[in-house]
């Protein structure tokens, strides 16, 4: 009876350890890689873009990534160096700036 408990405890410990190690390795893989494998360089009309996310380069990826969520829900990676992408980002940044309060 004692051996049975010891074997069950060792098996449970092994299962727990393998689960923890597997989850750690998966989280590292997801964090340390580029999201965009290919980018879209043909212009997309701004009315079809619902949201734009700019991810700066860092330890996860050596490239700046621009991810647009379209009005149909599809996510598309945009070429960050394309002039039309730069114009859209500049327009969004300009519209998000609040004017300074005037002092009278």
PDB file of N, CA and C in Angstrom:
ATOM      1  N   UNK A   1       0.819  -1.190   0.000  1.00  0.00           N
ATOM      2  CA  UNK A   1       0.000   0.000   0.000  1.00  0.00           C
ATOM      3  C   UNK A   1       0.868   1.262   0.000  1.00  0.00           C
ATOM      4  N   UNK A   2       1.966   1.221   0.770  1.00  0.00           N
ATOM      5  CA  UNK A   2       2.891   2.355   0.857  1.00  0.00           C
ATOM      6  C   UNK A   2       3.571   2.605  -0.489  1.00  0.00           C
ATOM      7  N   UNK A   3       3.953   1.543  -1.174  1.00  0.00           N
ATOM      8  CA  UNK A   3       4.609   1.673  -2.488  1.00  0.00           C
ATOM      9  C   UNK A   3       3.647   2.277  -3.494  1.00  0.00           C
ATOM     10  N   UNK A   4       2.399   1.891  -3.441  1.00  0.00           N
ATOM     11  CA  UNK A   4       1.390   2.407  -4.358  1.00  0.00           C
ATOM     12  C   UNK A   4       1.252   3.931  -4.202  1.00  0.00           C
ATOM     13  N   UNK A   5       1.226   4.396  -2.955  1.00  0.00           N
ATOM     14  CA  UNK A   5       1.123   5.839  -2.709  1.00  0.00           C
ATOM     15  C   UNK A   5       2.361   6.580  -3.202  1.00  0.00           C
ATOM     16  N   UNK A   6       3.521   5.999  -2.988  1.00  0.00           N
ATOM     17  CA  UNK A   6       4.767   6.627  -3.419  1.00  0.00           C
ATOM     18  C   UNK A   6       4.816   6.730  -4.941  1.00  0.00           C
ATOM     19  N   UNK A   7       4.432   5.675  -5.619  1.00  0.00           N
ATOM     20  CA  UNK A   7       4.420   5.674  -7.087  1.00  0.00           C
ATOM     21  C   UNK A   7       3.428   6.714  -7.606  1.00  0.00           C
ATOM     22  N   UNK A   8       2.258   6.802  -7.007  1.00  0.00           N
ATOM     23  CA  UNK A   8       1.252   7.777  -7.437  1.00  0.00           C
ATOM     24  C   UNK A   8       1.749   9.210  -7.204  1.00  0.00           C
ATOM     25  N   UNK A   9       2.426   9.416  -6.069  1.00  0.00           N
ATOM     26  CA  UNK A   9       2.950  10.751  -5.771  1.00  0.00           C
ATOM     27  C   UNK A   9       4.038  11.143  -6.766  1.00  0.00           C
ATOM     28  N   UNK A  10       4.912  10.209  -7.107  1.00  0.00           N
ATOM     29  CA  UNK A  10       5.983  10.485  -8.075  1.00  0.00           C
ATOM     30  C   UNK A  10       5.386  10.762  -9.449  1.00  0.00           C
ATOM     31  N   UNK A  11       4.395   9.990  -9.860  1.00  0.00           N
ATOM     32  CA  UNK A  11       3.746  10.219 -11.161  1.00  0.00           C
ATOM     33  C   UNK A  11       3.052  11.580 -11.193  1.00  0.00           C
ATOM     34  N   UNK A  12       2.380  11.934 -10.109  1.00  0.00           N
ATOM     35  CA  UNK A  12       1.707  13.234 -10.051  1.00  0.00           C
ATOM     36  C   UNK A  12       2.724  14.374 -10.119  1.00  0.00           C
ATOM     37  N   UNK A  13       3.846  14.218  -9.436  1.00  0.00           N
ATOM     38  CA  UNK A  13       4.896  15.230  -9.466  1.00  0.00           C
ATOM     39  C   UNK A  13       5.489  15.374 -10.868  1.00  0.00           C
ATOM     40  N   UNK A  14       5.719  14.250 -11.538  1.00  0.00           N
ATOM     41  CA  UNK A  14       6.248  14.287 -12.914  1.00  0.00           C
ATOM     42  C   UNK A  14       5.271  14.972 -13.857  1.00  0.00           C
ATOM     43  N   UNK A  15       3.988  14.671 -13.718  1.00  0.00           N
ATOM     44  CA  UNK A  15       2.974  15.294 -14.559  1.00  0.00           C
ATOM     45  C   UNK A  15       2.914  16.799 -14.320  1.00  0.00           C
ATOM     46  N   UNK A  16       2.983  17.199 -13.074  1.00  0.00           N
ATOM     47  CA  UNK A  16       2.966  18.618 -12.745  1.00  0.00           C
ATOM     48  C   UNK A  16       4.183  19.337 -13.321  1.00  0.00           C
ATOM     49  N   UNK A  17       5.355  18.739 -13.165  1.00  0.00           N
ATOM     50  CA  UNK A  17       6.580  19.350 -13.688  1.00  0.00           C
ATOM     51  C   UNK A  17       6.544  19.477 -15.206  1.00  0.00           C
ATOM     52  N   UNK A  18       6.089  18.446 -15.894  1.00  0.00           N
ATOM     53  CA  UNK A  18       6.051  18.499 -17.356  1.00  0.00           C
ATOM     54  C   UNK A  18       5.055  19.544 -17.838  1.00  0.00           C
ATOM     55  N   UNK A  19       3.954  19.710 -17.132  1.00  0.00           N
ATOM     56  CA  UNK A  19       2.965  20.727 -17.500  1.00  0.00           C
ATOM     57  C   UNK A  19       3.536  22.123 -17.341  1.00  0.00           C
ATOM     58  N   UNK A  20       4.224  22.374 -16.242  1.00  0.00           N
ATOM     59  CA  UNK A  20       4.811  23.691 -15.991  1.00  0.00           C
ATOM     60  C   UNK A  20       5.887  24.011 -17.017  1.00  0.00           C
ATOM     61  N   UNK A  21       6.759  23.051 -17.307  1.00  0.00           N
ATOM     62  CA  UNK A  21       7.833  23.268 -18.274  1.00  0.00           C
ATOM     63  C   UNK A  21       7.265  23.517 -19.660  1.00  0.00           C
ATOM     64  N   UNK A  22       6.252  22.772 -20.049  1.00  0.00           N
ATOM     65  CA  UNK A  22       5.635  22.949 -21.372  1.00  0.00           C
ATOM     66  C   UNK A  22       4.992  24.318 -21.489  1.00  0.00           C
ATOM     67  N   UNK A  23       4.282  24.766 -20.475  1.00  0.00           N
ATOM     68  CA  UNK A  23       3.629  26.071 -20.551  1.00  0.00           C
ATOM     69  C   UNK A  23       4.653  27.200 -20.579  1.00  0.00           C
ATOM     70  N   UNK A  24       5.777  27.052 -19.890  1.00  0.00           N
ATOM     71  CA  UNK A  24       6.820  28.066 -19.921  1.00  0.00           C
ATOM     72  C   UNK A  24       7.421  28.179 -21.303  1.00  0.00           C
ATOM     73  N   UNK A  25       7.685  27.063 -21.950  1.00  0.00           N
ATOM     74  CA  UNK A  25       8.296  27.118 -23.272  1.00  0.00           C
ATOM     75  C   UNK A  25       7.334  27.685 -24.302  1.00  0.00           C
ATOM     76  N   UNK A  26       6.047  27.402 -24.183  1.00  0.00           N
ATOM     77  CA  UNK A  26       5.074  27.952 -25.121  1.00  0.00           C
ATOM     78  C   UNK A  26       4.943  29.461 -24.964  1.00  0.00           C
ATOM     79  N   UNK A  27       4.963  29.961 -23.735  1.00  0.00           N
ATOM     80  CA  UNK A  27       4.824  31.397 -23.546  1.00  0.00           C
ATOM     81  C   UNK A  27       6.028  32.145 -24.098  1.00  0.00           C
ATOM     82  N   UNK A  28       7.206  31.581 -23.987  1.00  0.00           N
ATOM     83  CA  UNK A  28       8.397  32.225 -24.546  1.00  0.00           C
ATOM     84  C   UNK A  28       8.332  32.268 -26.063  1.00  0.00           C
ATOM     85  N   UNK A  29       7.864  31.218 -26.687  1.00  0.00           N
ATOM     86  CA  UNK A  29       7.780  31.184 -28.143  1.00  0.00           C
ATOM     87  C   UNK A  29       6.799  32.241 -28.631  1.00  0.00           C
ATOM     88  N   UNK A  30       5.673  32.402 -27.946  1.00  0.00           N
ATOM     89  CA  UNK A  30       4.685  33.376 -28.376  1.00  0.00           C
ATOM     90  C   UNK A  30       5.180  34.797 -28.183  1.00  0.00           C
ATOM     91  N   UNK A  31       5.968  35.061 -27.150  1.00  0.00           N
ATOM     92  CA  UNK A  31       6.429  36.412 -26.881  1.00  0.00           C
ATOM     93  C   UNK A  31       7.621  36.803 -27.753  1.00  0.00           C
ATOM     94  N   UNK A  32       8.472  35.862 -28.104  1.00  0.00           N
ATOM     95  CA  UNK A  32       9.730  36.187 -28.756  1.00  0.00           C
ATOM     96  C   UNK A  32       9.730  35.874 -30.242  1.00  0.00           C
ATOM     97  N   UNK A  33       8.727  36.359 -30.932  1.00  0.00           N
ATOM     98  CA  UNK A  33       8.712  36.195 -32.383  1.00  0.00           C
ATOM     99  C   UNK A  33       7.904  37.325 -33.014  1.00  0.00           C
ATOM    100  N   UNK A  34       8.165  37.550 -34.283  1.00  0.00           N
ATOM    101  CA  UNK A  34       7.405  38.572 -35.007  1.00  0.00           C
ATOM    102  C   UNK A  34       5.989  38.079 -35.272  1.00  0.00           C
ATOM    103  N   UNK A  35       5.037  38.985 -35.224  1.00  0.00           N
ATOM    104  CA  UNK A  35       3.661  38.634 -35.545  1.00  0.00           C
ATOM    105  C   UNK A  35       3.469  38.636 -37.056  1.00  0.00           C
ATOM    106  N   UNK A  36       4.060  39.611 -37.732  1.00  0.00           N
ATOM    107  CA  UNK A  36       3.870  39.772 -39.175  1.00  0.00           C
ATOM    108  C   UNK A  36       4.931  38.994 -39.950  1.00  0.00           C
ATOM    109  N   UNK A  37       4.488  37.978 -40.668  1.00  0.00           N
ATOM    110  CA  UNK A  37       5.406  37.233 -41.516  1.00  0.00           C
ATOM    111  C   UNK A  37       5.494  37.848 -42.903  1.00  0.00           C
ATOM    112  N   UNK A  38       4.382  38.413 -43.375  1.00  0.00           N
ATOM    113  CA  UNK A  38       4.401  39.159 -44.631  1.00  0.00           C
ATOM    114  C   UNK A  38       3.538  40.398 -44.461  1.00  0.00           C
ATOM    115  N   UNK A  39       3.878  41.444 -45.206  1.00  0.00           N
ATOM    116  CA  UNK A  39       3.172  42.711 -45.069  1.00  0.00           C
ATOM    117  C   UNK A  39       2.489  43.085 -46.371  1.00  0.00           C
ATOM    118  N   UNK A  40       1.435  43.855 -46.229  1.00  0.00           N
ATOM    119  CA  UNK A  40       0.655  44.336 -47.368  1.00  0.00           C
ATOM    120  C   UNK A  40       1.154  45.723 -47.747  1.00  0.00           C
ATOM    121  N   UNK A  41       1.545  45.905 -49.016  1.00  0.00           N
ATOM    122  CA  UNK A  41       2.037  47.211 -49.440  1.00  0.00           C
ATOM    123  C   UNK A  41       1.057  47.933 -50.362  1.00  0.00           C
ATOM    124  N   UNK A  42       0.037  47.226 -50.855  1.00  0.00           N
ATOM    125  CA  UNK A  42      -0.957  47.909 -51.684  1.00  0.00           C
ATOM    126  C   UNK A  42      -1.884  48.717 -50.786  1.00  0.00           C
ATOM    127  N   UNK A  43      -2.209  49.943 -51.191  1.00  0.00           N
ATOM    128  CA  UNK A  43      -3.008  50.829 -50.335  1.00  0.00           C
ATOM    129  C   UNK A  43      -4.389  50.260 -49.991  1.00  0.00           C
ATOM    130  N   UNK A  44      -4.797  50.506 -48.762  1.00  0.00           N
ATOM    131  CA  UNK A  44      -6.126  50.156 -48.270  1.00  0.00           C
ATOM    132  C   UNK A  44      -6.793  51.469 -47.885  1.00  0.00           C
ATOM    133  N   UNK A  45      -8.013  51.674 -48.347  1.00  0.00           N
ATOM    134  CA  UNK A  45      -8.712  52.928 -48.050  1.00  0.00           C
ATOM    135  C   UNK A  45      -8.946  53.031 -46.542  1.00  0.00           C
ATOM    136  N   UNK A  46      -8.687  54.216 -45.969  1.00  0.00           N
ATOM    137  CA  UNK A  46      -8.841  54.397 -44.518  1.00  0.00           C
ATOM    138  C   UNK A  46     -10.238  54.066 -43.985  1.00  0.00           C
ATOM    139  N   UNK A  47     -11.269  54.185 -44.820  1.00  0.00           N
ATOM    140  CA  UNK A  47     -12.622  53.889 -44.328  1.00  0.00           C
ATOM    141  C   UNK A  47     -12.805  52.394 -44.043  1.00  0.00           C
ATOM    142  N   UNK A  48     -11.911  51.553 -44.599  1.00  0.00           N
ATOM    143  CA  UNK A  48     -11.982  50.114 -44.351  1.00  0.00           C
ATOM    144  C   UNK A  48     -11.172  49.696 -43.128  1.00  0.00           C
ATOM    145  N   UNK A  49     -10.423  50.637 -42.551  1.00  0.00           N
ATOM    146  CA  UNK A  49      -9.582  50.335 -41.401  1.00  0.00           C
ATOM    147  C   UNK A  49     -10.318  50.739 -40.130  1.00  0.00           C
ATOM    148  N   UNK A  50     -10.506  49.759 -39.250  1.00  0.00           N
ATOM    149  CA  UNK A  50     -11.200  50.000 -37.990  1.00  0.00           C
ATOM    150  C   UNK A  50     -10.221  50.396 -36.887  1.00  0.00           C
ATOM    151  N   UNK A  51      -9.037  49.763 -36.882  1.00  0.00           N
ATOM    152  CA  UNK A  51      -8.057  50.013 -35.830  1.00  0.00           C
ATOM    153  C   UNK A  51      -6.660  49.748 -36.376  1.00  0.00           C
ATOM    154  N   UNK A  52      -5.681  50.501 -35.868  1.00  0.00           N
ATOM    155  CA  UNK A  52      -4.283  50.269 -36.245  1.00  0.00           C
ATOM    156  C   UNK A  52      -3.475  50.134 -34.965  1.00  0.00           C
ATOM    157  N   UNK A  53      -2.636  49.106 -34.929  1.00  0.00           N
ATOM    158  CA  UNK A  53      -1.754  48.878 -33.786  1.00  0.00           C
ATOM    159  C   UNK A  53      -0.319  48.909 -34.291  1.00  0.00           C
ATOM    160  N   UNK A  54       0.493  49.758 -33.683  1.00  0.00           N
ATOM    161  CA  UNK A  54       1.909  49.856 -34.042  1.00  0.00           C
ATOM    162  C   UNK A  54       2.717  49.216 -32.918  1.00  0.00           C
ATOM    163  N   UNK A  55       3.476  48.177 -33.269  1.00  0.00           N
ATOM    164  CA  UNK A  55       4.313  47.477 -32.299  1.00  0.00           C
ATOM    165  C   UNK A  55       5.760  47.829 -32.612  1.00  0.00           C
ATOM    166  N   UNK A  56       6.437  48.534 -31.696  1.00  0.00           N
ATOM    167  CA  UNK A  56       7.828  48.914 -31.964  1.00  0.00           C
ATOM    168  C   UNK A  56       8.749  47.701 -31.977  1.00  0.00           C
ATOM    169  N   UNK A  57       9.902  47.863 -32.642  1.00  0.00           N
ATOM    170  CA  UNK A  57      10.866  46.766 -32.643  1.00  0.00           C
ATOM    171  C   UNK A  57      11.395  46.577 -31.232  1.00  0.00           C
ATOM    172  N   UNK A  58      11.789  45.350 -30.946  1.00  0.00           N
ATOM    173  CA  UNK A  58      12.275  45.037 -29.606  1.00  0.00           C
ATOM    174  C   UNK A  58      12.851  43.638 -29.579  1.00  0.00           C
ATOM    175  N   UNK A  59      12.961  43.044 -28.391  1.00  0.00           N
ATOM    176  CA  UNK A  59      13.558  41.712 -28.300  1.00  0.00           C
ATOM    177  C   UNK A  59      12.708  40.626 -28.953  1.00  0.00           C
ATOM    178  N   UNK A  60      11.403  40.893 -29.133  1.00  0.00           N
ATOM    179  CA  UNK A  60      10.526  39.913 -29.758  1.00  0.00           C
ATOM    180  C   UNK A  60      10.658  39.909 -31.277  1.00  0.00           C
ATOM    181  N   UNK A  61      11.022  41.058 -31.839  1.00  0.00           N
ATOM    182  CA  UNK A  61      11.091  41.183 -33.297  1.00  0.00           C
ATOM    183  C   UNK A  61      11.971  42.377 -33.645  1.00  0.00           C
ATOM    184  N   UNK A  62      12.783  42.242 -34.673  1.00  0.00           N
ATOM    185  CA  UNK A  62      13.688  43.330 -35.053  1.00  0.00           C
ATOM    186  C   UNK A  62      13.004  44.379 -35.929  1.00  0.00           C
ATOM    187  N   UNK A  63      11.769  44.131 -36.338  1.00  0.00           N
ATOM    188  CA  UNK A  63      11.046  45.038 -37.229  1.00  0.00           C
ATOM    189  C   UNK A  63       9.930  45.764 -36.483  1.00  0.00           C
ATOM    190  N   UNK A  64       9.625  46.985 -36.929  1.00  0.00           N
ATOM    191  CA  UNK A  64       8.421  47.671 -36.473  1.00  0.00           C
ATOM    192  C   UNK A  64       7.263  46.998 -37.196  1.00  0.00           C
ATOM    193  N   UNK A  65       6.201  46.683 -36.447  1.00  0.00           N
ATOM    194  CA  UNK A  65       5.051  46.020 -37.054  1.00  0.00           C
ATOM    195  C   UNK A  65       3.826  46.916 -36.963  1.00  0.00           C
ATOM    196  N   UNK A  66       3.104  47.019 -38.072  1.00  0.00           N
ATOM    197  CA  UNK A  66       1.867  47.794 -38.121  1.00  0.00           C
ATOM    198  C   UNK A  66       0.755  46.822 -38.494  1.00  0.00           C
ATOM    199  N   UNK A  67      -0.185  46.636 -37.562  1.00  0.00           N
ATOM    200  CA  UNK A  67      -1.271  45.680 -37.766  1.00  0.00           C
ATOM    201  C   UNK A  67      -2.577  46.450 -37.833  1.00  0.00           C
ATOM    202  N   UNK A  68      -3.276  46.313 -38.957  1.00  0.00           N
ATOM    203  CA  UNK A  68      -4.556  46.990 -39.147  1.00  0.00           C
ATOM    204  C   UNK A  68      -5.676  45.975 -39.004  1.00  0.00           C
ATOM    205  N   UNK A  69      -6.687  46.352 -38.229  1.00  0.00           N
ATOM    206  CA  UNK A  69      -7.903  45.547 -38.155  1.00  0.00           C
ATOM    207  C   UNK A  69      -8.903  46.202 -39.090  1.00  0.00           C
ATOM    208  N   UNK A  70      -9.354  45.441 -40.075  1.00  0.00           N
ATOM    209  CA  UNK A  70     -10.279  45.971 -41.066  1.00  0.00           C
ATOM    210  C   UNK A  70     -11.708  45.930 -40.537  1.00  0.00           C
ATOM    211  N   UNK A  71     -12.603  46.629 -41.224  1.00  0.00           N
ATOM    212  CA  UNK A  71     -13.997  46.688 -40.779  1.00  0.00           C
ATOM    213  C   UNK A  71     -14.679  45.325 -40.830  1.00  0.00           C
ATOM    214  N   UNK A  72     -14.140  44.383 -41.611  1.00  0.00           N
ATOM    215  CA  UNK A  72     -14.715  43.036 -41.650  1.00  0.00           C
ATOM    216  C   UNK A  72     -14.118  42.121 -40.579  1.00  0.00           C
ATOM    217  N   UNK A  73     -13.219  42.662 -39.716  1.00  0.00           N
ATOM    218  CA  UNK A  73     -12.635  41.899 -38.628  1.00  0.00           C
ATOM    219  C   UNK A  73     -11.311  41.242 -38.956  1.00  0.00           C
ATOM    220  N   UNK A  74     -10.909  41.261 -40.205  1.00  0.00           N
ATOM    221  CA  UNK A  74      -9.651  40.642 -40.622  1.00  0.00           C
ATOM    222  C   UNK A  74      -8.472  41.515 -40.203  1.00  0.00           C
ATOM    223  N   UNK A  75      -7.393  40.871 -39.737  1.00  0.00           N
ATOM    224  CA  UNK A  75      -6.175  41.597 -39.389  1.00  0.00           C
ATOM    225  C   UNK A  75      -5.171  41.480 -40.523  1.00  0.00           C
ATOM    226  N   UNK A  76      -4.575  42.616 -40.876  1.00  0.00           N
ATOM    227  CA  UNK A  76      -3.624  42.672 -41.977  1.00  0.00           C
ATOM    228  C   UNK A  76      -2.372  43.402 -41.497  1.00  0.00           C
ATOM    229  N   UNK A  77      -1.215  42.841 -41.803  1.00  0.00           N
ATOM    230  CA  UNK A  77       0.044  43.509 -41.490  1.00  0.00           C
ATOM    231  C   UNK A  77       0.384  44.463 -42.627  1.00  0.00           C
ATOM    232  N   UNK A  78       0.660  45.711 -42.272  1.00  0.00           N
ATOM    233  CA  UNK A  78       0.976  46.728 -43.274  1.00  0.00           C
ATOM    234  C   UNK A  78       2.475  46.982 -43.296  1.00  0.00           C
ATOM    235  N   UNK A  79       2.960  47.372 -44.466  1.00  0.00           N
ATOM    236  CA  UNK A  79       4.374  47.714 -44.632  1.00  0.00           C
ATOM    237  C   UNK A  79       4.623  49.073 -43.978  1.00  0.00           C
ATOM    238  N   UNK A  80       5.360  49.117 -42.858  1.00  0.00           N
ATOM    239  CA  UNK A  80       5.517  50.384 -42.129  1.00  0.00           C
ATOM    240  C   UNK A  80       6.268  51.471 -42.887  1.00  0.00           C
ATOM    241  N   UNK A  81       7.047  51.107 -43.901  1.00  0.00           N
ATOM    242  CA  UNK A  81       7.798  52.115 -44.655  1.00  0.00           C
ATOM    243  C   UNK A  81       7.022  52.665 -45.847  1.00  0.00           C
ATOM    244  N   UNK A  82       5.853  52.098 -46.136  1.00  0.00           N
ATOM    245  CA  UNK A  82       5.052  52.576 -47.267  1.00  0.00           C
ATOM    246  C   UNK A  82       4.524  53.978 -46.966  1.00  0.00           C
ATOM    247  N   UNK A  83       4.608  54.885 -47.940  1.00  0.00           N
ATOM    248  CA  UNK A  83       4.167  56.273 -47.697  1.00  0.00           C
ATOM    249  C   UNK A  83       2.707  56.379 -47.254  1.00  0.00           C
ATOM    250  N   UNK A  84       1.820  55.561 -47.820  1.00  0.00           N
ATOM    251  CA  UNK A  84       0.407  55.641 -47.450  1.00  0.00           C
ATOM    252  C   UNK A  84       0.168  55.190 -46.010  1.00  0.00           C
ATOM    253  N   UNK A  85       0.975  54.249 -45.520  1.00  0.00           N
ATOM    254  CA  UNK A  85       0.863  53.801 -44.133  1.00  0.00           C
ATOM    255  C   UNK A  85       1.353  54.910 -43.205  1.00  0.00           C
ATOM    256  N   UNK A  86       2.452  55.549 -43.574  1.00  0.00           N
ATOM    257  CA  UNK A  86       2.972  56.661 -42.768  1.00  0.00           C
ATOM    258  C   UNK A  86       1.959  57.795 -42.681  1.00  0.00           C
ATOM    259  N   UNK A  87       1.279  58.103 -43.805  1.00  0.00           N
ATOM    260  CA  UNK A  87       0.281  59.171 -43.810  1.00  0.00           C
ATOM    261  C   UNK A  87      -0.885  58.845 -42.879  1.00  0.00           C
ATOM    262  N   UNK A  88      -1.346  57.586 -42.906  1.00  0.00           N
ATOM    263  CA  UNK A  88      -2.463  57.185 -42.042  1.00  0.00           C
ATOM    264  C   UNK A  88      -2.062  57.298 -40.575  1.00  0.00           C
ATOM    265  N   UNK A  89      -0.866  56.830 -40.242  1.00  0.00           N
ATOM    266  CA  UNK A  89      -0.401  56.894 -38.853  1.00  0.00           C
ATOM    267  C   UNK A  89      -0.242  58.339 -38.406  1.00  0.00           C
ATOM    268  N   UNK A  90       0.325  59.182 -39.280  1.00  0.00           N
ATOM    269  CA  UNK A  90       0.476  60.605 -38.945  1.00  0.00           C
ATOM    270  C   UNK A  90      -0.883  61.267 -38.724  1.00  0.00           C
ATOM    271  N   UNK A  91      -1.860  60.908 -39.562  1.00  0.00           N
ATOM    272  CA  UNK A  91      -3.203  61.476 -39.438  1.00  0.00           C
ATOM    273  C   UNK A  91      -3.843  61.048 -38.115  1.00  0.00           C
ATOM    274  N   UNK A  92      -3.674  59.803 -37.747  1.00  0.00           N
ATOM    275  CA  UNK A  92      -4.225  59.314 -36.478  1.00  0.00           C
ATOM    276  C   UNK A  92      -3.556  60.016 -35.302  1.00  0.00           C
ATOM    277  N   UNK A  93      -2.231  60.157 -35.362  1.00  0.00           N
ATOM    278  CA  UNK A  93      -1.512  60.830 -34.282  1.00  0.00           C
ATOM    279  C   UNK A  93      -1.922  62.294 -34.170  1.00  0.00           C
ATOM    280  N   UNK A  94      -2.093  62.946 -35.312  1.00  0.00           N
ATOM    281  CA  UNK A  94      -2.484  64.359 -35.289  1.00  0.00           C
ATOM    282  C   UNK A  94      -3.889  64.533 -34.725  1.00  0.00           C
ATOM    283  N   UNK A  95      -4.796  63.614 -35.035  1.00  0.00           N
ATOM    284  CA  UNK A  95      -6.171  63.747 -34.549  1.00  0.00           C
ATOM    285  C   UNK A  95      -6.285  63.378 -33.068  1.00  0.00           C
ATOM    286  N   UNK A  96      -5.334  62.599 -32.557  1.00  0.00           N
ATOM    287  CA  UNK A  96      -5.414  62.203 -31.147  1.00  0.00           C
ATOM    288  C   UNK A  96      -4.804  63.247 -30.216  1.00  0.00           C
ATOM    289  N   UNK A  97      -4.061  64.192 -30.749  1.00  0.00           N
ATOM    290  CA  UNK A  97      -3.475  65.242 -29.909  1.00  0.00           C
ATOM    291  C   UNK A  97      -4.559  66.219 -29.498  1.00  0.00           C
ATOM    292  N   UNK A  98      -4.584  66.534 -28.222  1.00  0.00           N
ATOM    293  CA  UNK A  98      -5.553  67.504 -27.739  1.00  0.00           C
ATOM    294  C   UNK A  98      -4.916  68.871 -27.742  1.00  0.00           C
ATOM    295  N   UNK A  99      -5.674  69.882 -28.110  1.00  0.00           N
ATOM    296  CA  UNK A  99      -5.100  71.241 -28.133  1.00  0.00           C
ATOM    297  C   UNK A  99      -4.768  71.707 -26.716  1.00  0.00           C
ATOM    298  N   UNK A 100      -3.729  72.509 -26.625  1.00  0.00           N
ATOM    299  CA  UNK A 100      -3.316  73.048 -25.324  1.00  0.00           C
ATOM    300  C   UNK A 100      -4.362  74.040 -24.839  1.00  0.00           C
ATOM    301  N   UNK A 101      -4.652  74.026 -23.534  1.00  0.00           N
ATOM    302  CA  UNK A 101      -5.651  74.978 -23.017  1.00  0.00           C
ATOM    303  C   UNK A 101      -5.142  76.404 -23.121  1.00  0.00           C
ATOM    304  N   UNK A 102      -6.032  77.281 -23.521  1.00  0.00           N
ATOM    305  CA  UNK A 102      -5.627  78.676 -23.671  1.00  0.00           C
ATOM    306  C   UNK A 102      -5.772  79.380 -22.320  1.00  0.00           C
ATOM    307  N   UNK A 103      -4.836  80.266 -22.057  1.00  0.00           N
ATOM    308  CA  UNK A 103      -4.889  81.026 -20.804  1.00  0.00           C
ATOM    309  C   UNK A 103      -5.350  82.432 -21.114  1.00  0.00           C
ATOM    310  N   UNK A 104      -6.354  82.862 -20.391  1.00  0.00           N
ATOM    311  CA  UNK A 104      -6.891  84.217 -20.593  1.00  0.00           C
ATOM    312  C   UNK A 104      -6.559  85.103 -19.448  1.00  0.00           C
TER     313      UNK A 104
END
